[in-house]
Amino acid sequence: MADITITVANVLRVDGTTGTGTAGATITAGQPLYADSTDSGKLKLADADAAASADSVGVALHGSLTGQPVKYQASGQITIGGTVVVGEVYCVSTTAGGVAPDADVIAGDYRTILGVGTSATVITLKLFTSGAQIP
């Protein structure tokens, strides 16, 4: 399977907790974010290539440019803006800002679970950063 194809206009918080921060990169709605400790905690696109960048704080709820405020969802239900499979576990992708099915996270990647598909368009976010690189 491939990363979810996200239509940014369709990303919507259903319920759950949110947070805000300052964008450290150009961000679009539906992209997982991490707080870069080497750049004053600015929010950047999460990816599974390194432990630090895989440590997602949530999913962007709107677009933002570098240096501008960005709101993200950290838990609860989110209409992700693409088609998901009910019961499928979704993770931070190796593509920066991508959301991938768990099976696509492979050897050498750092697994961070974002949540589980609970309808054809909704993921229930329950972030879990393992910090572990898959052997």
C-alpha atoms as a PDB file:
ATOM      1  CA  MET A   1       0.000   0.000   0.000  1.00  0.00           C
ATOM      2  CA  ALA A   2       1.022   3.617  -0.378  1.00  0.00           C
ATOM      3  CA  ASP A   3       0.699   6.733   1.755  1.00  0.00           C
ATOM      4  CA  ILE A   4      -2.809   8.150   2.069  1.00  0.00           C
ATOM      5  CA  THR A   5      -3.571  10.668  -0.666  1.00  0.00           C
ATOM      6  CA  ILE A   6      -4.872  13.626   1.313  1.00  0.00           C
ATOM      7  CA  THR A   7      -7.203  16.327  -0.010  1.00  0.00           C
ATOM      8  CA  VAL A   8      -6.299  19.203   2.302  1.00  0.00           C
ATOM      9  CA  ALA A   9      -9.719  20.873   2.039  1.00  0.00           C
ATOM     10  CA  ASN A  10     -11.278  17.732   3.568  1.00  0.00           C
ATOM     11  CA  VAL A  11      -9.104  17.521   6.711  1.00  0.00           C
ATOM     12  CA  LEU A  12     -11.290  18.227   9.739  1.00  0.00           C
ATOM     13  CA  ARG A  13     -11.077  17.755  13.488  1.00  0.00           C
ATOM     14  CA  VAL A  14     -14.022  15.668  14.698  1.00  0.00           C
ATOM     15  CA  ASP A  15     -13.111  15.634  18.399  1.00  0.00           C
ATOM     16  CA  GLY A  16     -10.075  15.356  20.646  1.00  0.00           C
ATOM     17  CA  THR A  17      -7.197  17.472  21.863  1.00  0.00           C
ATOM     18  CA  THR A  18      -5.315  20.042  19.836  1.00  0.00           C
ATOM     19  CA  GLY A  19      -2.120  22.008  20.206  1.00  0.00           C
ATOM     20  CA  THR A  20      -0.468  24.955  18.517  1.00  0.00           C
ATOM     21  CA  GLY A  21       3.062  25.891  17.595  1.00  0.00           C
ATOM     22  CA  THR A  22       5.209  27.699  15.076  1.00  0.00           C
ATOM     23  CA  ALA A  23       5.847  26.122  11.690  1.00  0.00           C
ATOM     24  CA  GLY A  24       9.473  25.366  10.918  1.00  0.00           C
ATOM     25  CA  ALA A  25       8.624  24.356   7.349  1.00  0.00           C
ATOM     26  CA  THR A  26       5.797  24.701   4.844  1.00  0.00           C
ATOM     27  CA  ILE A  27       2.987  22.517   6.186  1.00  0.00           C
ATOM     28  CA  THR A  28      -0.317  21.385   4.680  1.00  0.00           C
ATOM     29  CA  ALA A  29      -3.386  20.008   6.441  1.00  0.00           C
ATOM     30  CA  GLY A  30      -3.249  16.290   7.208  1.00  0.00           C
ATOM     31  CA  GLN A  31       0.522  16.059   7.633  1.00  0.00           C
ATOM     32  CA  PRO A  32       2.009  14.561  10.820  1.00  0.00           C
ATOM     33  CA  LEU A  33       4.296  16.984  12.665  1.00  0.00           C
ATOM     34  CA  TYR A  34       7.151  16.769  15.151  1.00  0.00           C
ATOM     35  CA  ALA A  35       8.684  19.432  17.400  1.00  0.00           C
ATOM     36  CA  ASP A  36      12.317  19.970  16.349  1.00  0.00           C
ATOM     37  CA  SER A  37      14.326  20.320  19.565  1.00  0.00           C
ATOM     38  CA  THR A  38      17.296  21.665  17.583  1.00  0.00           C
ATOM     39  CA  ASP A  39      15.177  24.531  16.184  1.00  0.00           C
ATOM     40  CA  SER A  40      13.381  26.028  19.210  1.00  0.00           C
ATOM     41  CA  GLY A  41      10.654  23.359  19.086  1.00  0.00           C
ATOM     42  CA  LYS A  42       9.358  24.529  15.708  1.00  0.00           C
ATOM     43  CA  LEU A  43       6.907  22.134  14.093  1.00  0.00           C
ATOM     44  CA  LYS A  44       8.212  20.282  11.057  1.00  0.00           C
ATOM     45  CA  LEU A  45       7.062  17.381   8.894  1.00  0.00           C
ATOM     46  CA  ALA A  46       7.414  14.067  10.711  1.00  0.00           C
ATOM     47  CA  ASP A  47       9.071  11.136   8.970  1.00  0.00           C
ATOM     48  CA  ALA A  48      10.108   7.629  10.010  1.00  0.00           C
ATOM     49  CA  ASP A  49      13.749   7.983   8.926  1.00  0.00           C
ATOM     50  CA  ALA A  50      15.098   9.092  12.335  1.00  0.00           C
ATOM     51  CA  ALA A  51      13.975   8.774  15.951  1.00  0.00           C
ATOM     52  CA  ALA A  52      13.642  12.539  16.462  1.00  0.00           C
ATOM     53  CA  SER A  53      11.594  13.226  13.320  1.00  0.00           C
ATOM     54  CA  ALA A  54       9.384  10.181  13.930  1.00  0.00           C
ATOM     55  CA  ASP A  55       8.295  11.537  17.340  1.00  0.00           C
ATOM     56  CA  SER A  56       5.010  13.027  16.117  1.00  0.00           C
ATOM     57  CA  VAL A  57       3.050  15.512  18.231  1.00  0.00           C
ATOM     58  CA  GLY A  58      -0.029  15.310  16.000  1.00  0.00           C
ATOM     59  CA  VAL A  59      -1.550  16.017  12.590  1.00  0.00           C
ATOM     60  CA  ALA A  60      -1.786  19.509  11.060  1.00  0.00           C
ATOM     61  CA  LEU A  61      -5.328  20.873  10.812  1.00  0.00           C
ATOM     62  CA  HIS A  62      -4.474  23.597   8.279  1.00  0.00           C
ATOM     63  CA  GLY A  63      -1.647  24.834   6.109  1.00  0.00           C
ATOM     64  CA  SER A  64       1.082  27.137   7.371  1.00  0.00           C
ATOM     65  CA  LEU A  65       4.287  28.723   6.140  1.00  0.00           C
ATOM     66  CA  THR A  66       7.612  28.789   7.984  1.00  0.00           C
ATOM     67  CA  GLY A  67       7.444  31.081  11.009  1.00  0.00           C
ATOM     68  CA  GLN A  68       3.642  31.172  11.081  1.00  0.00           C
ATOM     69  CA  PRO A  69       1.293  29.593  13.662  1.00  0.00           C
ATOM     70  CA  VAL A  70      -0.026  26.096  13.061  1.00  0.00           C
ATOM     71  CA  LYS A  71      -2.713  24.109  14.894  1.00  0.00           C
ATOM     72  CA  TYR A  72      -2.523  20.331  15.099  1.00  0.00           C
ATOM     73  CA  GLN A  73      -4.650  17.519  16.487  1.00  0.00           C
ATOM     74  CA  ALA A  74      -2.966  15.270  19.052  1.00  0.00           C
ATOM     75  CA  SER A  75      -5.759  12.798  19.861  1.00  0.00           C
ATOM     76  CA  GLY A  76      -9.336  11.891  19.006  1.00  0.00           C
ATOM     77  CA  GLN A  77     -11.066  11.501  15.679  1.00  0.00           C
ATOM     78  CA  ILE A  78      -9.849  13.325  12.586  1.00  0.00           C
ATOM     79  CA  THR A  79     -11.332  13.285   9.103  1.00  0.00           C
ATOM     80  CA  ILE A  80      -7.985  12.792   7.403  1.00  0.00           C
ATOM     81  CA  GLY A  81      -8.958  13.998   3.933  1.00  0.00           C
ATOM     82  CA  GLY A  82      -8.378  10.672   2.194  1.00  0.00           C
ATOM     83  CA  THR A  83      -9.612   7.100   2.097  1.00  0.00           C
ATOM     84  CA  VAL A  84      -8.570   4.797   4.938  1.00  0.00           C
ATOM     85  CA  VAL A  85      -9.302   1.172   5.816  1.00  0.00           C
ATOM     86  CA  VAL A  86     -11.343   0.437   8.935  1.00  0.00           C
ATOM     87  CA  GLY A  87      -9.143  -1.380  11.459  1.00  0.00           C
ATOM     88  CA  GLU A  88      -5.878  -0.489   9.691  1.00  0.00           C
ATOM     89  CA  VAL A  89      -3.112   0.958  11.858  1.00  0.00           C
ATOM     90  CA  TYR A  90      -1.608   4.152  10.401  1.00  0.00           C
ATOM     91  CA  CYS A  91       1.907   5.393  11.091  1.00  0.00           C
ATOM     92  CA  VAL A  92       4.314   8.201  10.310  1.00  0.00           C
ATOM     93  CA  SER A  93       5.655   7.512   6.797  1.00  0.00           C
ATOM     94  CA  THR A  94       9.232   7.615   5.535  1.00  0.00           C
ATOM     95  CA  THR A  95       7.985  10.400   3.262  1.00  0.00           C
ATOM     96  CA  ALA A  96       8.112  13.643   5.262  1.00  0.00           C
ATOM     97  CA  GLY A  97       4.546  14.570   6.240  1.00  0.00           C
ATOM     98  CA  GLY A  98       3.086  11.310   4.947  1.00  0.00           C
ATOM     99  CA  VAL A  99       0.643   8.935   6.636  1.00  0.00           C
ATOM    100  CA  ALA A 100       1.322   5.272   5.843  1.00  0.00           C
ATOM    101  CA  PRO A 101      -0.308   1.951   6.681  1.00  0.00           C
ATOM    102  CA  ASP A 102       1.705   0.053   9.293  1.00  0.00           C
ATOM    103  CA  ALA A 103       2.838  -2.571   6.754  1.00  0.00           C
ATOM    104  CA  ASP A 104       4.763   0.140   4.873  1.00  0.00           C
ATOM    105  CA  VAL A 105       6.999   0.869   7.869  1.00  0.00           C
ATOM    106  CA  ILE A 106       9.903  -1.518   7.288  1.00  0.00           C
ATOM    107  CA  ALA A 107      13.454  -2.384   8.386  1.00  0.00           C
ATOM    108  CA  GLY A 108      15.501   0.710   9.190  1.00  0.00           C
ATOM    109  CA  ASP A 109      12.431   2.873   9.884  1.00  0.00           C
ATOM    110  CA  TYR A 110      11.305   4.210  13.265  1.00  0.00           C
ATOM    111  CA  ARG A 111       7.726   3.172  14.044  1.00  0.00           C
ATOM    112  CA  THR A 112       5.347   5.830  15.339  1.00  0.00           C
ATOM    113  CA  ILE A 113       1.688   4.867  15.405  1.00  0.00           C
ATOM    114  CA  LEU A 114      -0.692   7.724  14.637  1.00  0.00           C
ATOM    115  CA  GLY A 115      -3.937   5.804  15.080  1.00  0.00           C
ATOM    116  CA  VAL A 116      -6.466   3.401  13.580  1.00  0.00           C
ATOM    117  CA  GLY A 117      -8.941   3.819  10.723  1.00  0.00           C
ATOM    118  CA  THR A 118     -12.449   3.852  12.217  1.00  0.00           C
ATOM    119  CA  SER A 119     -14.433   4.702   9.065  1.00  0.00           C
ATOM    120  CA  ALA A 120     -13.608   5.188   5.388  1.00  0.00           C
ATOM    121  CA  THR A 121     -12.429   8.756   6.083  1.00  0.00           C
ATOM    122  CA  VAL A 122     -11.688   8.927   9.830  1.00  0.00           C
ATOM    123  CA  ILE A 123      -8.618   7.969  11.851  1.00  0.00           C
ATOM    124  CA  THR A 124      -8.859   7.843  15.622  1.00  0.00           C
ATOM    125  CA  LEU A 125      -5.566   9.356  16.724  1.00  0.00           C
ATOM    126  CA  LYS A 126      -3.761   7.711  19.642  1.00  0.00           C
ATOM    127  CA  LEU A 127      -0.105   8.611  19.200  1.00  0.00           C
ATOM    128  CA  PHE A 128       2.522   6.077  20.221  1.00  0.00           C
ATOM    129  CA  THR A 129       6.181   6.792  19.566  1.00  0.00           C
ATOM    130  CA  SER A 130       8.162   3.593  20.029  1.00  0.00           C
ATOM    131  CA  GLY A 131      11.567   5.207  19.546  1.00  0.00           C
ATOM    132  CA  ALA A 132      12.609   1.837  18.155  1.00  0.00           C
ATOM    133  CA  GLN A 133      14.262   1.306  14.799  1.00  0.00           C
ATOM    134  CA  ILE A 134      12.894  -1.768  13.063  1.00  0.00           C
ATOM    135  CA  PRO A 135      15.712  -4.323  12.592  1.00  0.00           C
END
